[in-house]
Amino acid sequence: MAGRKTRNSATPGAVSAAEFKATCLHLMDRVRETGVEYVVTKHGRPVAKLVPYVAPAAPSRGFGVLKGTVLKYERPLDPVDAEWDINKT
């Protein structure tokens, strides 16, 4: 199965839904080991993509989490220019 070719050779990494169903676990192992990506097709049209999982970065906690999120605010203590009412939508 390691040397198995996909039937849809028009798109590199394309695997028919039937072949994906039959070889899903093997394809998942290949993605994990080599980082290769597969496009699952149904009747020749792409429907899903199997890609390596990348864990998201751990969110920061505590002081300084929002540092750099405000781009510019020149006069934070000046009143708001327009009249504002909490009851208006």
PDB file of N, CA and C in Angstrom:
ATOM      1  N   MET A   1       0.811  -1.188   0.000  1.00  0.00           N
ATOM      2  CA  MET A   1       0.000   0.000   0.000  1.00  0.00           C
ATOM      3  C   MET A   1       0.858   1.256   0.000  1.00  0.00           C
ATOM      4  N   ALA A   2       2.119   1.153   0.414  1.00  0.00           N
ATOM      5  CA  ALA A   2       2.991   2.324   0.478  1.00  0.00           C
ATOM      6  C   ALA A   2       3.235   2.924  -0.896  1.00  0.00           C
ATOM      7  N   GLY A   3       3.298   2.095  -1.944  1.00  0.00           N
ATOM      8  CA  GLY A   3       3.542   2.593  -3.279  1.00  0.00           C
ATOM      9  C   GLY A   3       2.275   2.811  -4.075  1.00  0.00           C
ATOM     10  N   ARG A   4       1.146   2.817  -3.414  1.00  0.00           N
ATOM     11  CA  ARG A   4      -0.131   2.931  -4.105  1.00  0.00           C
ATOM     12  C   ARG A   4      -0.310   4.308  -4.734  1.00  0.00           C
ATOM     13  N   LYS A   5      -0.711   4.334  -5.977  1.00  0.00           N
ATOM     14  CA  LYS A   5      -0.969   5.577  -6.695  1.00  0.00           C
ATOM     15  C   LYS A   5      -2.436   5.921  -6.603  1.00  0.00           C
ATOM     16  N   THR A   6      -2.739   7.215  -6.635  1.00  0.00           N
ATOM     17  CA  THR A   6      -4.134   7.630  -6.641  1.00  0.00           C
ATOM     18  C   THR A   6      -4.677   7.513  -8.052  1.00  0.00           C
ATOM     19  N   ARG A   7      -5.970   7.272  -8.162  1.00  0.00           N
ATOM     20  CA  ARG A   7      -6.580   7.125  -9.485  1.00  0.00           C
ATOM     21  C   ARG A   7      -6.667   8.448 -10.214  1.00  0.00           C
ATOM     22  N   ASN A   8      -6.892   9.529  -9.498  1.00  0.00           N
ATOM     23  CA  ASN A   8      -7.020  10.839 -10.123  1.00  0.00           C
ATOM     24  C   ASN A   8      -5.637  11.463 -10.217  1.00  0.00           C
ATOM     25  N   SER A   9      -4.944  11.215 -11.307  1.00  0.00           N
ATOM     26  CA  SER A   9      -3.577  11.711 -11.451  1.00  0.00           C
ATOM     27  C   SER A   9      -3.538  13.129 -12.000  1.00  0.00           C
ATOM     28  N   ALA A  10      -4.716  13.718 -12.334  1.00  0.00           N
ATOM     29  CA  ALA A  10      -4.748  15.081 -12.858  1.00  0.00           C
ATOM     30  C   ALA A  10      -4.322  16.086 -11.791  1.00  0.00           C
ATOM     31  N   THR A  11      -4.661  15.828 -10.548  1.00  0.00           N
ATOM     32  CA  THR A  11      -4.305  16.714  -9.447  1.00  0.00           C
ATOM     33  C   THR A  11      -3.395  15.962  -8.489  1.00  0.00           C
ATOM     34  N   PRO A  12      -2.158  16.419  -8.316  1.00  0.00           N
ATOM     35  CA  PRO A  12      -1.269  15.743  -7.367  1.00  0.00           C
ATOM     36  C   PRO A  12      -1.864  15.772  -5.960  1.00  0.00           C
ATOM     37  N   GLY A  13      -1.832  14.640  -5.281  1.00  0.00           N
ATOM     38  CA  GLY A  13      -2.375  14.557  -3.939  1.00  0.00           C
ATOM     39  C   GLY A  13      -3.876  14.380  -3.891  1.00  0.00           C
ATOM     40  N   ALA A  14      -4.521  14.234  -5.040  1.00  0.00           N
ATOM     41  CA  ALA A  14      -5.972  14.041  -5.075  1.00  0.00           C
ATOM     42  C   ALA A  14      -6.294  12.571  -4.847  1.00  0.00           C
ATOM     43  N   VAL A  15      -7.313  12.333  -4.033  1.00  0.00           N
ATOM     44  CA  VAL A  15      -7.741  10.981  -3.701  1.00  0.00           C
ATOM     45  C   VAL A  15      -9.258  10.943  -3.836  1.00  0.00           C
ATOM     46  N   SER A  16      -9.774   9.949  -4.529  1.00  0.00           N
ATOM     47  CA  SER A  16     -11.226   9.834  -4.642  1.00  0.00           C
ATOM     48  C   SER A  16     -11.815   9.495  -3.278  1.00  0.00           C
ATOM     49  N   ALA A  17     -13.073   9.833  -3.086  1.00  0.00           N
ATOM     50  CA  ALA A  17     -13.732   9.570  -1.812  1.00  0.00           C
ATOM     51  C   ALA A  17     -13.739   8.077  -1.501  1.00  0.00           C
ATOM     52  N   ALA A  18     -13.943   7.249  -2.508  1.00  0.00           N
ATOM     53  CA  ALA A  18     -13.945   5.796  -2.297  1.00  0.00           C
ATOM     54  C   ALA A  18     -12.570   5.310  -1.848  1.00  0.00           C
ATOM     55  N   GLU A  19     -11.519   5.801  -2.497  1.00  0.00           N
ATOM     56  CA  GLU A  19     -10.159   5.406  -2.105  1.00  0.00           C
ATOM     57  C   GLU A  19      -9.823   5.955  -0.720  1.00  0.00           C
ATOM     58  N   PHE A  20     -10.269   7.174  -0.416  1.00  0.00           N
ATOM     59  CA  PHE A  20     -10.030   7.747   0.905  1.00  0.00           C
ATOM     60  C   PHE A  20     -10.690   6.893   1.981  1.00  0.00           C
ATOM     61  N   LYS A  21     -11.909   6.452   1.710  1.00  0.00           N
ATOM     62  CA  LYS A  21     -12.629   5.617   2.670  1.00  0.00           C
ATOM     63  C   LYS A  21     -11.870   4.320   2.941  1.00  0.00           C
ATOM     64  N   ALA A  22     -11.311   3.745   1.886  1.00  0.00           N
ATOM     65  CA  ALA A  22     -10.609   2.469   2.015  1.00  0.00           C
ATOM     66  C   ALA A  22      -9.228   2.615   2.661  1.00  0.00           C
ATOM     67  N   THR A  23      -8.592   3.765   2.514  1.00  0.00           N
ATOM     68  CA  THR A  23      -7.208   3.928   2.980  1.00  0.00           C
ATOM     69  C   THR A  23      -7.048   5.084   3.972  1.00  0.00           C
ATOM     70  N   CYS A  24      -8.111   5.480   4.614  1.00  0.00           N
ATOM     71  CA  CYS A  24      -8.099   6.660   5.485  1.00  0.00           C
ATOM     72  C   CYS A  24      -6.986   6.614   6.534  1.00  0.00           C
ATOM     73  N   LEU A  25      -6.893   5.544   7.286  1.00  0.00           N
ATOM     74  CA  LEU A  25      -5.889   5.465   8.348  1.00  0.00           C
ATOM     75  C   LEU A  25      -4.469   5.521   7.802  1.00  0.00           C
ATOM     76  N   HIS A  26      -4.246   4.873   6.677  1.00  0.00           N
ATOM     77  CA  HIS A  26      -2.929   4.912   6.044  1.00  0.00           C
ATOM     78  C   HIS A  26      -2.598   6.340   5.594  1.00  0.00           C
ATOM     79  N   LEU A  27      -3.553   7.021   4.988  1.00  0.00           N
ATOM     80  CA  LEU A  27      -3.322   8.390   4.533  1.00  0.00           C
ATOM     81  C   LEU A  27      -3.055   9.320   5.718  1.00  0.00           C
ATOM     82  N   MET A  28      -3.782   9.122   6.803  1.00  0.00           N
ATOM     83  CA  MET A  28      -3.565   9.942   7.995  1.00  0.00           C
ATOM     84  C   MET A  28      -2.151   9.736   8.538  1.00  0.00           C
ATOM     85  N   ASP A  29      -1.674   8.504   8.532  1.00  0.00           N
ATOM     86  CA  ASP A  29      -0.303   8.226   8.976  1.00  0.00           C
ATOM     87  C   ASP A  29       0.709   8.929   8.084  1.00  0.00           C
ATOM     88  N   ARG A  30       0.481   8.885   6.771  1.00  0.00           N
ATOM     89  CA  ARG A  30       1.402   9.548   5.824  1.00  0.00           C
ATOM     90  C   ARG A  30       1.422  11.049   6.044  1.00  0.00           C
ATOM     91  N   VAL A  31       0.259  11.636   6.292  1.00  0.00           N
ATOM     92  CA  VAL A  31       0.194  13.080   6.542  1.00  0.00           C
ATOM     93  C   VAL A  31       0.987  13.420   7.794  1.00  0.00           C
ATOM     94  N   ARG A  32       0.812  12.639   8.857  1.00  0.00           N
ATOM     95  CA  ARG A  32       1.528  12.892  10.103  1.00  0.00           C
ATOM     96  C   ARG A  32       3.038  12.741   9.919  1.00  0.00           C
ATOM     97  N   GLU A  33       3.460  11.704   9.207  1.00  0.00           N
ATOM     98  CA  GLU A  33       4.880  11.405   9.066  1.00  0.00           C
ATOM     99  C   GLU A  33       5.604  12.306   8.065  1.00  0.00           C
ATOM    100  N   THR A  34       4.960  12.624   6.950  1.00  0.00           N
ATOM    101  CA  THR A  34       5.652  13.342   5.876  1.00  0.00           C
ATOM    102  C   THR A  34       5.165  14.770   5.669  1.00  0.00           C
ATOM    103  N   GLY A  35       3.979  15.097   6.193  1.00  0.00           N
ATOM    104  CA  GLY A  35       3.442  16.441   5.994  1.00  0.00           C
ATOM    105  C   GLY A  35       2.754  16.635   4.658  1.00  0.00           C
ATOM    106  N   VAL A  36       2.614  15.565   3.883  1.00  0.00           N
ATOM    107  CA  VAL A  36       1.946  15.662   2.584  1.00  0.00           C
ATOM    108  C   VAL A  36       0.467  15.978   2.791  1.00  0.00           C
ATOM    109  N   GLU A  37      -0.139  16.692   1.844  1.00  0.00           N
ATOM    110  CA  GLU A  37      -1.557  17.045   1.914  1.00  0.00           C
ATOM    111  C   GLU A  37      -2.322  16.282   0.841  1.00  0.00           C
ATOM    112  N   TYR A  38      -3.564  15.929   1.142  1.00  0.00           N
ATOM    113  CA  TYR A  38      -4.426  15.239   0.186  1.00  0.00           C
ATOM    114  C   TYR A  38      -5.724  16.018   0.000  1.00  0.00           C
ATOM    115  N   VAL A  39      -6.189  16.055  -1.237  1.00  0.00           N
ATOM    116  CA  VAL A  39      -7.488  16.631  -1.549  1.00  0.00           C
ATOM    117  C   VAL A  39      -8.412  15.470  -1.870  1.00  0.00           C
ATOM    118  N   VAL A  40      -9.505  15.356  -1.120  1.00  0.00           N
ATOM    119  CA  VAL A  40     -10.471  14.281  -1.340  1.00  0.00           C
ATOM    120  C   VAL A  40     -11.478  14.780  -2.360  1.00  0.00           C
ATOM    121  N   THR A  41     -11.686  13.967  -3.411  1.00  0.00           N
ATOM    122  CA  THR A  41     -12.593  14.366  -4.477  1.00  0.00           C
ATOM    123  C   THR A  41     -13.787  13.427  -4.558  1.00  0.00           C
ATOM    124  N   LYS A  42     -14.878  13.962  -5.038  1.00  0.00           N
ATOM    125  CA  LYS A  42     -16.073  13.171  -5.284  1.00  0.00           C
ATOM    126  C   LYS A  42     -16.521  13.510  -6.696  1.00  0.00           C
ATOM    127  N   HIS A  43     -16.538  12.516  -7.557  1.00  0.00           N
ATOM    128  CA  HIS A  43     -16.843  12.704  -8.982  1.00  0.00           C
ATOM    129  C   HIS A  43     -15.892  13.725  -9.623  1.00  0.00           C
ATOM    130  N   GLY A  44     -14.623  13.698  -9.179  1.00  0.00           N
ATOM    131  CA  GLY A  44     -13.606  14.565  -9.767  1.00  0.00           C
ATOM    132  C   GLY A  44     -13.579  15.987  -9.221  1.00  0.00           C
ATOM    133  N   ARG A  45     -14.476  16.314  -8.296  1.00  0.00           N
ATOM    134  CA  ARG A  45     -14.530  17.667  -7.745  1.00  0.00           C
ATOM    135  C   ARG A  45     -14.047  17.652  -6.287  1.00  0.00           C
ATOM    136  N   PRO A  46     -13.193  18.593  -5.903  1.00  0.00           N
ATOM    137  CA  PRO A  46     -12.678  18.632  -4.530  1.00  0.00           C
ATOM    138  C   PRO A  46     -13.801  18.871  -3.514  1.00  0.00           C
ATOM    139  N   VAL A  47     -13.773  18.102  -2.409  1.00  0.00           N
ATOM    140  CA  VAL A  47     -14.771  18.273  -1.356  1.00  0.00           C
ATOM    141  C   VAL A  47     -14.141  18.437   0.021  1.00  0.00           C
ATOM    142  N   ALA A  48     -12.925  17.994   0.216  1.00  0.00           N
ATOM    143  CA  ALA A  48     -12.276  18.102   1.521  1.00  0.00           C
ATOM    144  C   ALA A  48     -10.767  18.065   1.330  1.00  0.00           C
ATOM    145  N   LYS A  49     -10.049  18.490   2.380  1.00  0.00           N
ATOM    146  CA  LYS A  49      -8.598  18.495   2.330  1.00  0.00           C
ATOM    147  C   LYS A  49      -8.061  17.901   3.624  1.00  0.00           C
ATOM    148  N   LEU A  50      -7.138  16.984   3.512  1.00  0.00           N
ATOM    149  CA  LEU A  50      -6.478  16.362   4.658  1.00  0.00           C
ATOM    150  C   LEU A  50      -5.087  16.974   4.768  1.00  0.00           C
ATOM    151  N   VAL A  51      -4.865  17.714   5.851  1.00  0.00           N
ATOM    152  CA  VAL A  51      -3.605  18.430   6.039  1.00  0.00           C
ATOM    153  C   VAL A  51      -3.034  18.106   7.411  1.00  0.00           C
ATOM    154  N   PRO A  52      -1.740  18.317   7.622  1.00  0.00           N
ATOM    155  CA  PRO A  52      -1.160  18.077   8.945  1.00  0.00           C
ATOM    156  C   PRO A  52      -1.754  19.042   9.971  1.00  0.00           C
ATOM    157  N   TYR A  53      -1.924  18.551  11.185  1.00  0.00           N
ATOM    158  CA  TYR A  53      -2.438  19.371  12.274  1.00  0.00           C
ATOM    159  C   TYR A  53      -1.309  20.198  12.861  1.00  0.00           C
ATOM    160  N   VAL A  54      -1.578  21.473  13.056  1.00  0.00           N
ATOM    161  CA  VAL A  54      -0.620  22.369  13.692  1.00  0.00           C
ATOM    162  C   VAL A  54      -1.293  22.915  14.944  1.00  0.00           C
ATOM    163  N   ALA A  55      -0.741  22.606  16.097  1.00  0.00           N
ATOM    164  CA  ALA A  55      -1.326  23.055  17.355  1.00  0.00           C
ATOM    165  C   ALA A  55      -1.245  24.570  17.456  1.00  0.00           C
ATOM    166  N   PRO A  56      -2.332  25.212  17.877  1.00  0.00           N
ATOM    167  CA  PRO A  56      -2.297  26.672  18.029  1.00  0.00           C
ATOM    168  C   PRO A  56      -1.378  27.059  19.192  1.00  0.00           C
ATOM    169  N   ALA A  57      -0.819  28.244  19.076  1.00  0.00           N
ATOM    170  CA  ALA A  57       0.059  28.727  20.135  1.00  0.00           C
ATOM    171  C   ALA A  57      -0.750  28.948  21.404  1.00  0.00           C
ATOM    172  N   ALA A  58      -0.154  28.655  22.535  1.00  0.00           N
ATOM    173  CA  ALA A  58      -0.845  28.828  23.809  1.00  0.00           C
ATOM    174  C   ALA A  58      -1.104  30.310  24.041  1.00  0.00           C
ATOM    175  N   PRO A  59      -2.332  30.675  24.432  1.00  0.00           N
ATOM    176  CA  PRO A  59      -2.622  32.087  24.670  1.00  0.00           C
ATOM    177  C   PRO A  59      -1.864  32.598  25.890  1.00  0.00           C
ATOM    178  N   SER A  60      -1.434  33.822  25.795  1.00  0.00           N
ATOM    179  CA  SER A  60      -0.743  34.445  26.915  1.00  0.00           C
ATOM    180  C   SER A  60      -1.754  34.782  28.002  1.00  0.00           C
ATOM    181  N   ARG A  61      -1.296  34.822  29.213  1.00  0.00           N
ATOM    182  CA  ARG A  61      -2.170  35.180  30.328  1.00  0.00           C
ATOM    183  C   ARG A  61      -1.497  36.258  31.151  1.00  0.00           C
ATOM    184  N   GLY A  62      -2.332  37.072  31.767  1.00  0.00           N
ATOM    185  CA  GLY A  62      -1.818  38.037  32.717  1.00  0.00           C
ATOM    186  C   GLY A  62      -1.476  39.378  32.113  1.00  0.00           C
ATOM    187  N   PHE A  63      -0.613  40.067  32.806  1.00  0.00           N
ATOM    188  CA  PHE A  63      -0.235  41.426  32.448  1.00  0.00           C
ATOM    189  C   PHE A  63       0.442  41.470  31.080  1.00  0.00           C
ATOM    190  N   GLY A  64       0.036  42.430  30.266  1.00  0.00           N
ATOM    191  CA  GLY A  64       0.662  42.638  28.973  1.00  0.00           C
ATOM    192  C   GLY A  64       0.055  41.853  27.827  1.00  0.00           C
ATOM    193  N   VAL A  65      -1.060  41.169  28.066  1.00  0.00           N
ATOM    194  CA  VAL A  65      -1.681  40.361  27.018  1.00  0.00           C
ATOM    195  C   VAL A  65      -2.118  41.221  25.835  1.00  0.00           C
ATOM    196  N   LEU A  66      -2.628  42.413  26.103  1.00  0.00           N
ATOM    197  CA  LEU A  66      -3.146  43.274  25.039  1.00  0.00           C
ATOM    198  C   LEU A  66      -2.124  44.272  24.507  1.00  0.00           C
ATOM    199  N   LYS A  67      -0.886  44.126  24.917  1.00  0.00           N
ATOM    200  CA  LYS A  67       0.158  45.044  24.465  1.00  0.00           C
ATOM    201  C   LYS A  67       0.251  45.037  22.944  1.00  0.00           C
ATOM    202  N   GLY A  68       0.215  46.223  22.349  1.00  0.00           N
ATOM    203  CA  GLY A  68       0.336  46.361  20.908  1.00  0.00           C
ATOM    204  C   GLY A  68      -0.976  46.215  20.151  1.00  0.00           C
ATOM    205  N   THR A  69      -2.091  46.049  20.855  1.00  0.00           N
ATOM    206  CA  THR A  69      -3.362  45.878  20.147  1.00  0.00           C
ATOM    207  C   THR A  69      -4.019  47.204  19.802  1.00  0.00           C
ATOM    208  N   VAL A  70      -3.731  48.275  20.538  1.00  0.00           N
ATOM    209  CA  VAL A  70      -4.263  49.601  20.218  1.00  0.00           C
ATOM    210  C   VAL A  70      -3.211  50.297  19.366  1.00  0.00           C
ATOM    211  N   LEU A  71      -3.591  50.630  18.150  1.00  0.00           N
ATOM    212  CA  LEU A  71      -2.613  51.202  17.241  1.00  0.00           C
ATOM    213  C   LEU A  71      -2.280  52.648  17.590  1.00  0.00           C
ATOM    214  N   LYS A  72      -3.340  53.474  17.819  1.00  0.00           N
ATOM    215  CA  LYS A  72      -3.076  54.870  18.128  1.00  0.00           C
ATOM    216  C   LYS A  72      -4.334  55.489  18.721  1.00  0.00           C
ATOM    217  N   TYR A  73      -4.185  56.175  19.815  1.00  0.00           N
ATOM    218  CA  TYR A  73      -5.283  56.914  20.418  1.00  0.00           C
ATOM    219  C   TYR A  73      -4.667  58.129  21.070  1.00  0.00           C
ATOM    220  N   GLU A  74      -4.759  59.280  20.389  1.00  0.00           N
ATOM    221  CA  GLU A  74      -4.006  60.458  20.788  1.00  0.00           C
ATOM    222  C   GLU A  74      -4.504  61.126  22.068  1.00  0.00           C
ATOM    223  N   ARG A  75      -5.835  61.234  22.244  1.00  0.00           N
ATOM    224  CA  ARG A  75      -6.366  61.973  23.392  1.00  0.00           C
ATOM    225  C   ARG A  75      -7.394  61.128  24.136  1.00  0.00           C
ATOM    226  N   PRO A  76      -6.988  60.190  24.945  1.00  0.00           N
ATOM    227  CA  PRO A  76      -7.926  59.285  25.586  1.00  0.00           C
ATOM    228  C   PRO A  76      -8.823  59.938  26.634  1.00  0.00           C
ATOM    229  N   LEU A  77      -8.455  61.105  27.151  1.00  0.00           N
ATOM    230  CA  LEU A  77      -9.256  61.736  28.199  1.00  0.00           C
ATOM    231  C   LEU A  77     -10.208  62.804  27.675  1.00  0.00           C
ATOM    232  N   ASP A  78     -10.162  63.141  26.393  1.00  0.00           N
ATOM    233  CA  ASP A  78     -11.074  64.131  25.811  1.00  0.00           C
ATOM    234  C   ASP A  78     -12.463  63.524  25.680  1.00  0.00           C
ATOM    235  N   PRO A  79     -13.508  64.392  25.787  1.00  0.00           N
ATOM    236  CA  PRO A  79     -14.874  63.867  25.623  1.00  0.00           C
ATOM    237  C   PRO A  79     -15.105  63.393  24.193  1.00  0.00           C
ATOM    238  N   VAL A  80     -16.082  62.510  24.039  1.00  0.00           N
ATOM    239  CA  VAL A  80     -16.445  62.001  22.722  1.00  0.00           C
ATOM    240  C   VAL A  80     -17.089  63.125  21.934  1.00  0.00           C
ATOM    241  N   ASP A  81     -16.758  63.260  20.640  1.00  0.00           N
ATOM    242  CA  ASP A  81     -17.270  64.350  19.818  1.00  0.00           C
ATOM    243  C   ASP A  81     -18.788  64.292  19.646  1.00  0.00           C
ATOM    244  N   ALA A  82     -19.323  63.148  19.355  1.00  0.00           N
ATOM    245  CA  ALA A  82     -20.757  63.004  19.113  1.00  0.00           C
ATOM    246  C   ALA A  82     -21.472  62.674  20.421  1.00  0.00           C
ATOM    247  N   GLU A  83     -22.745  63.102  20.500  1.00  0.00           N
ATOM    248  CA  GLU A  83     -23.537  62.776  21.682  1.00  0.00           C
ATOM    249  C   GLU A  83     -23.861  61.286  21.636  1.00  0.00           C
ATOM    250  N   TRP A  84     -23.745  60.618  22.745  1.00  0.00           N
ATOM    251  CA  TRP A  84     -23.936  59.178  22.778  1.00  0.00           C
ATOM    252  C   TRP A  84     -24.937  58.839  23.869  1.00  0.00           C
ATOM    253  N   ASP A  85     -25.889  57.964  23.556  1.00  0.00           N
ATOM    254  CA  ASP A  85     -26.908  57.553  24.524  1.00  0.00           C
ATOM    255  C   ASP A  85     -26.939  56.033  24.548  1.00  0.00           C
ATOM    256  N   ILE A  86     -26.829  55.452  25.719  1.00  0.00           N
ATOM    257  CA  ILE A  86     -26.812  53.997  25.854  1.00  0.00           C
ATOM    258  C   ILE A  86     -28.139  53.362  25.429  1.00  0.00           C
ATOM    259  N   ASN A  87     -29.252  54.132  25.519  1.00  0.00           N
ATOM    260  CA  ASN A  87     -30.572  53.592  25.183  1.00  0.00           C
ATOM    261  C   ASN A  87     -30.838  53.578  23.683  1.00  0.00           C
ATOM    262  N   LYS A  88     -30.040  54.280  22.903  1.00  0.00           N
ATOM    263  CA  LYS A  88     -30.219  54.264  21.442  1.00  0.00           C
ATOM    264  C   LYS A  88     -29.492  53.061  20.858  1.00  0.00           C
ATOM    265  N   THR A  89     -30.053  52.515  19.795  1.00  0.00           N
ATOM    266  CA  THR A  89     -29.409  51.367  19.158  1.00  0.00           C
ATOM    267  C   THR A  89     -28.770  51.755  17.860  1.00  0.00           C
TER     268      THR A  89
END
